[in-house]
N, C-alpha and C. Protein backbone atom coordinates (compact mmCIF):
# COMPACT_ATOMS: atom_id res chain seq x y z
N UNK A 1 3.52 -7.81 87.59
CA UNK A 1 3.38 -6.63 86.79
C UNK A 1 3.72 -7.01 85.36
N UNK A 2 3.03 -6.36 84.41
CA UNK A 2 3.21 -6.70 83.01
C UNK A 2 3.36 -5.44 82.16
N UNK A 3 4.18 -5.59 81.11
CA UNK A 3 4.26 -4.60 80.05
C UNK A 3 3.51 -5.19 78.85
N UNK A 4 2.51 -4.47 78.38
CA UNK A 4 1.72 -4.92 77.24
C UNK A 4 2.06 -4.01 76.07
N UNK A 5 2.63 -4.58 75.03
CA UNK A 5 3.01 -3.83 73.84
C UNK A 5 2.06 -4.19 72.71
N UNK A 6 1.32 -3.20 72.23
CA UNK A 6 0.38 -3.40 71.13
C UNK A 6 1.03 -2.95 69.83
N UNK A 7 0.86 -3.73 68.79
CA UNK A 7 1.30 -3.37 67.45
C UNK A 7 0.08 -3.43 66.55
N UNK A 8 -0.23 -2.32 65.91
CA UNK A 8 -1.40 -2.28 65.04
C UNK A 8 -1.24 -3.22 63.86
N UNK A 9 -2.32 -3.89 63.51
CA UNK A 9 -2.33 -4.74 62.32
C UNK A 9 -3.50 -4.35 61.41
N UNK A 10 -3.85 -3.08 61.49
CA UNK A 10 -4.88 -2.49 60.62
C UNK A 10 -4.44 -1.06 60.31
N UNK A 11 -4.97 -0.48 59.22
CA UNK A 11 -4.61 0.90 58.90
C UNK A 11 -5.07 1.88 59.99
N UNK A 12 -4.33 2.98 60.13
CA UNK A 12 -4.69 3.98 61.14
C UNK A 12 -6.10 4.52 60.95
N UNK A 13 -6.59 4.55 59.72
CA UNK A 13 -7.96 5.02 59.48
C UNK A 13 -8.97 4.11 60.18
N UNK A 14 -8.68 2.83 60.28
CA UNK A 14 -9.55 1.89 61.00
C UNK A 14 -9.31 2.02 62.50
N UNK A 15 -8.05 2.08 62.90
CA UNK A 15 -7.70 2.23 64.32
C UNK A 15 -8.42 3.45 64.90
N UNK A 16 -8.38 4.57 64.19
CA UNK A 16 -8.96 5.81 64.69
C UNK A 16 -10.45 5.69 64.97
N UNK A 17 -11.15 4.83 64.25
CA UNK A 17 -12.58 4.64 64.50
C UNK A 17 -12.85 4.00 65.86
N UNK A 18 -11.87 3.25 66.37
CA UNK A 18 -12.04 2.53 67.63
C UNK A 18 -11.36 3.22 68.83
N UNK A 19 -10.68 4.34 68.58
CA UNK A 19 -9.99 5.04 69.67
C UNK A 19 -10.94 5.41 70.81
N UNK A 20 -12.12 5.98 70.56
CA UNK A 20 -13.00 6.33 71.69
C UNK A 20 -13.38 5.11 72.55
N UNK A 21 -13.67 3.97 71.92
CA UNK A 21 -14.00 2.76 72.68
C UNK A 21 -12.77 2.24 73.44
N UNK A 22 -11.61 2.32 72.81
CA UNK A 22 -10.37 1.88 73.45
C UNK A 22 -10.08 2.75 74.68
N UNK A 23 -10.29 4.06 74.56
CA UNK A 23 -10.07 4.96 75.70
C UNK A 23 -11.02 4.64 76.85
N UNK A 24 -12.26 4.30 76.55
CA UNK A 24 -13.21 3.91 77.60
C UNK A 24 -12.73 2.65 78.30
N UNK A 25 -12.22 1.70 77.53
CA UNK A 25 -11.66 0.48 78.10
C UNK A 25 -10.50 0.82 79.04
N UNK A 26 -9.58 1.70 78.57
CA UNK A 26 -8.44 2.09 79.40
C UNK A 26 -8.90 2.78 80.68
N UNK A 27 -9.84 3.70 80.57
CA UNK A 27 -10.34 4.43 81.74
C UNK A 27 -10.94 3.47 82.77
N UNK A 28 -11.67 2.48 82.29
CA UNK A 28 -12.24 1.47 83.20
C UNK A 28 -11.14 0.72 83.94
N UNK A 29 -10.08 0.34 83.22
CA UNK A 29 -9.00 -0.41 83.84
C UNK A 29 -8.18 0.44 84.81
N UNK A 30 -8.01 1.72 84.49
CA UNK A 30 -7.38 2.63 85.45
C UNK A 30 -8.24 2.72 86.70
N UNK A 31 -9.54 2.84 86.53
CA UNK A 31 -10.46 2.92 87.66
C UNK A 31 -10.44 1.67 88.52
N UNK A 32 -10.22 0.52 87.88
CA UNK A 32 -10.14 -0.76 88.61
C UNK A 32 -8.77 -0.98 89.23
N UNK A 33 -7.81 -0.07 88.97
CA UNK A 33 -6.46 -0.22 89.51
C UNK A 33 -5.59 -1.20 88.74
N UNK A 34 -6.02 -1.59 87.54
CA UNK A 34 -5.27 -2.59 86.76
C UNK A 34 -4.15 -2.00 85.91
N UNK A 35 -4.28 -0.74 85.49
CA UNK A 35 -3.29 -0.09 84.66
C UNK A 35 -2.75 1.13 85.38
N UNK A 36 -1.44 1.41 85.20
CA UNK A 36 -0.85 2.60 85.83
C UNK A 36 -0.21 3.55 84.84
N UNK A 37 -0.05 3.11 83.58
CA UNK A 37 0.55 3.97 82.57
C UNK A 37 0.21 3.40 81.20
N UNK A 38 -0.04 4.29 80.25
CA UNK A 38 -0.27 3.84 78.88
C UNK A 38 0.00 5.00 77.93
N UNK A 39 0.23 4.66 76.66
CA UNK A 39 0.44 5.70 75.67
C UNK A 39 0.77 5.12 74.31
N UNK A 40 0.81 6.01 73.32
CA UNK A 40 1.12 5.63 71.95
C UNK A 40 2.62 5.40 71.77
N UNK A 41 2.94 4.55 70.84
CA UNK A 41 4.32 4.43 70.40
C UNK A 41 4.59 5.58 69.42
N UNK A 42 5.85 5.96 69.31
CA UNK A 42 6.25 6.99 68.35
C UNK A 42 7.40 6.44 67.53
N UNK A 43 7.21 6.15 66.25
CA UNK A 43 6.06 6.49 65.43
C UNK A 43 4.82 5.69 65.83
N UNK A 44 3.68 6.13 65.35
CA UNK A 44 2.38 5.59 65.78
C UNK A 44 2.11 4.23 65.13
N UNK A 45 2.73 3.21 65.70
CA UNK A 45 2.57 1.84 65.21
C UNK A 45 1.83 0.96 66.22
N UNK A 46 1.44 1.56 67.35
CA UNK A 46 0.78 0.81 68.41
C UNK A 46 0.85 1.58 69.69
N UNK A 47 0.84 0.86 70.80
CA UNK A 47 0.88 1.50 72.11
C UNK A 47 1.48 0.57 73.15
N UNK A 48 1.62 1.11 74.36
CA UNK A 48 2.17 0.34 75.48
C UNK A 48 1.30 0.60 76.71
N UNK A 49 1.06 -0.46 77.47
CA UNK A 49 0.32 -0.38 78.73
C UNK A 49 1.17 -1.02 79.81
N UNK A 50 1.25 -0.38 80.96
CA UNK A 50 1.88 -0.98 82.14
C UNK A 50 0.75 -1.39 83.07
N UNK A 51 0.71 -2.67 83.39
CA UNK A 51 -0.36 -3.22 84.22
C UNK A 51 0.19 -3.75 85.54
N UNK A 52 -0.52 -3.47 86.61
CA UNK A 52 -0.14 -3.99 87.93
C UNK A 52 -0.84 -5.31 88.26
N UNK A 53 -1.59 -5.85 87.31
CA UNK A 53 -2.20 -7.16 87.52
C UNK A 53 -1.08 -8.17 87.76
N UNK A 54 -1.27 -9.07 88.72
CA UNK A 54 -0.21 -10.00 89.09
C UNK A 54 -0.34 -11.38 88.44
N UNK A 55 -1.52 -11.68 87.90
CA UNK A 55 -1.78 -13.00 87.35
C UNK A 55 -2.00 -12.90 85.85
N UNK A 56 -1.26 -13.65 85.07
CA UNK A 56 -1.33 -13.59 83.61
C UNK A 56 -2.73 -13.95 83.11
N UNK A 57 -3.37 -14.94 83.71
CA UNK A 57 -4.71 -15.32 83.27
C UNK A 57 -5.69 -14.17 83.47
N UNK A 58 -5.56 -13.46 84.57
CA UNK A 58 -6.42 -12.31 84.82
C UNK A 58 -6.14 -11.20 83.80
N UNK A 59 -4.87 -10.97 83.51
CA UNK A 59 -4.53 -9.96 82.49
C UNK A 59 -5.13 -10.34 81.14
N UNK A 60 -5.04 -11.61 80.78
CA UNK A 60 -5.62 -12.05 79.50
C UNK A 60 -7.12 -11.79 79.45
N UNK A 61 -7.82 -11.97 80.56
CA UNK A 61 -9.26 -11.70 80.61
C UNK A 61 -9.54 -10.21 80.42
N UNK A 62 -8.69 -9.37 81.02
CA UNK A 62 -8.85 -7.93 80.88
C UNK A 62 -8.57 -7.50 79.45
N UNK A 63 -7.46 -7.97 78.88
CA UNK A 63 -7.09 -7.60 77.50
C UNK A 63 -8.18 -8.03 76.52
N UNK A 64 -8.84 -9.14 76.79
CA UNK A 64 -9.90 -9.64 75.91
C UNK A 64 -11.08 -8.67 75.82
N UNK A 65 -11.15 -7.70 76.72
CA UNK A 65 -12.22 -6.70 76.70
C UNK A 65 -11.86 -5.46 75.87
N UNK A 66 -10.62 -5.36 75.44
CA UNK A 66 -10.17 -4.21 74.67
C UNK A 66 -10.77 -4.27 73.26
N UNK A 67 -11.42 -3.20 72.81
CA UNK A 67 -11.96 -3.20 71.45
C UNK A 67 -10.91 -3.50 70.38
N UNK A 68 -9.67 -3.08 70.59
CA UNK A 68 -8.62 -3.40 69.63
C UNK A 68 -8.41 -4.92 69.53
N UNK A 69 -8.53 -5.61 70.67
CA UNK A 69 -8.40 -7.07 70.70
C UNK A 69 -9.63 -7.71 70.07
N UNK A 70 -10.80 -7.26 70.47
CA UNK A 70 -12.07 -7.83 69.98
C UNK A 70 -12.14 -7.74 68.46
N UNK A 71 -11.71 -6.61 67.90
CA UNK A 71 -11.80 -6.39 66.46
C UNK A 71 -10.54 -6.84 65.71
N UNK A 72 -9.60 -7.48 66.43
CA UNK A 72 -8.34 -7.98 65.83
C UNK A 72 -7.58 -6.86 65.12
N UNK A 73 -7.49 -5.69 65.77
CA UNK A 73 -6.80 -4.54 65.20
C UNK A 73 -5.35 -4.43 65.66
N UNK A 74 -4.98 -5.20 66.68
CA UNK A 74 -3.62 -5.12 67.22
C UNK A 74 -3.15 -6.50 67.66
N UNK A 75 -1.84 -6.66 67.57
CA UNK A 75 -1.16 -7.83 68.12
C UNK A 75 -0.63 -7.43 69.49
N UNK A 76 -0.75 -8.30 70.49
CA UNK A 76 -0.34 -8.00 71.86
C UNK A 76 0.87 -8.85 72.23
N UNK A 77 1.95 -8.18 72.62
CA UNK A 77 3.11 -8.86 73.17
C UNK A 77 3.15 -8.52 74.66
N UNK A 78 3.14 -9.55 75.50
CA UNK A 78 3.04 -9.33 76.94
C UNK A 78 4.30 -9.85 77.60
N UNK A 79 4.92 -8.98 78.41
CA UNK A 79 6.14 -9.33 79.14
C UNK A 79 5.90 -9.14 80.63
N UNK A 80 6.13 -10.18 81.41
CA UNK A 80 6.02 -10.05 82.86
C UNK A 80 7.34 -9.52 83.41
N UNK A 81 7.26 -8.58 84.33
CA UNK A 81 8.46 -8.08 84.99
C UNK A 81 8.27 -8.17 86.50
N UNK A 82 9.38 -8.37 87.19
CA UNK A 82 9.39 -8.42 88.65
C UNK A 82 10.27 -7.26 89.12
N UNK A 83 9.68 -6.09 89.36
CA UNK A 83 10.47 -4.91 89.72
C UNK A 83 11.30 -5.13 90.98
N UNK A 84 12.58 -4.78 90.89
CA UNK A 84 13.47 -4.89 92.05
C UNK A 84 14.12 -3.55 92.42
N UNK A 85 14.07 -2.57 91.50
CA UNK A 85 14.57 -1.23 91.78
C UNK A 85 13.59 -0.22 91.18
N UNK A 86 13.46 0.93 91.86
CA UNK A 86 12.55 1.96 91.36
C UNK A 86 12.93 3.31 91.94
N UNK A 87 12.57 4.37 91.22
CA UNK A 87 12.70 5.73 91.75
C UNK A 87 11.74 5.84 92.95
N UNK A 88 12.04 6.76 93.84
CA UNK A 88 11.27 6.89 95.08
C UNK A 88 9.75 6.91 94.87
N UNK A 89 9.22 7.68 93.92
CA UNK A 89 7.76 7.71 93.75
C UNK A 89 7.15 6.39 93.29
N UNK A 90 8.00 5.47 92.82
CA UNK A 90 7.49 4.18 92.32
C UNK A 90 7.86 3.00 93.22
N UNK A 91 8.37 3.26 94.40
CA UNK A 91 8.78 2.18 95.30
C UNK A 91 7.64 1.23 95.64
N UNK A 92 6.40 1.73 95.59
CA UNK A 92 5.26 0.89 95.92
C UNK A 92 5.10 -0.28 94.92
N UNK A 93 5.77 -0.20 93.79
CA UNK A 93 5.67 -1.25 92.78
C UNK A 93 6.65 -2.41 93.00
N UNK A 94 7.60 -2.24 93.90
CA UNK A 94 8.62 -3.25 94.11
C UNK A 94 8.05 -4.53 94.70
N UNK A 95 8.62 -5.65 94.26
CA UNK A 95 8.25 -6.96 94.80
C UNK A 95 8.90 -7.14 96.16
N UNK A 96 8.22 -7.86 97.01
CA UNK A 96 8.77 -8.17 98.35
C UNK A 96 9.85 -9.20 98.26
């Protein structure tokens, strides 16, 4: 599982032009079961994605499809986590 933290490296006026394409990318990844949570940072300096992809190389291939990545609009910091505790509704995310 990975936490993907995006930090914008372009003005919000440029970011906003790519939001519809970015949302389509996110919807596709939710549909594929790759993402389980995402949202904007507050203040609006980027966003965060929680991914259930287990392989970093596969995650990199998925991230490479994001319009923000393609257009070099955001920097991506990726942290792998190995969940060991969770609230009851999230127990399915725990590692064996």
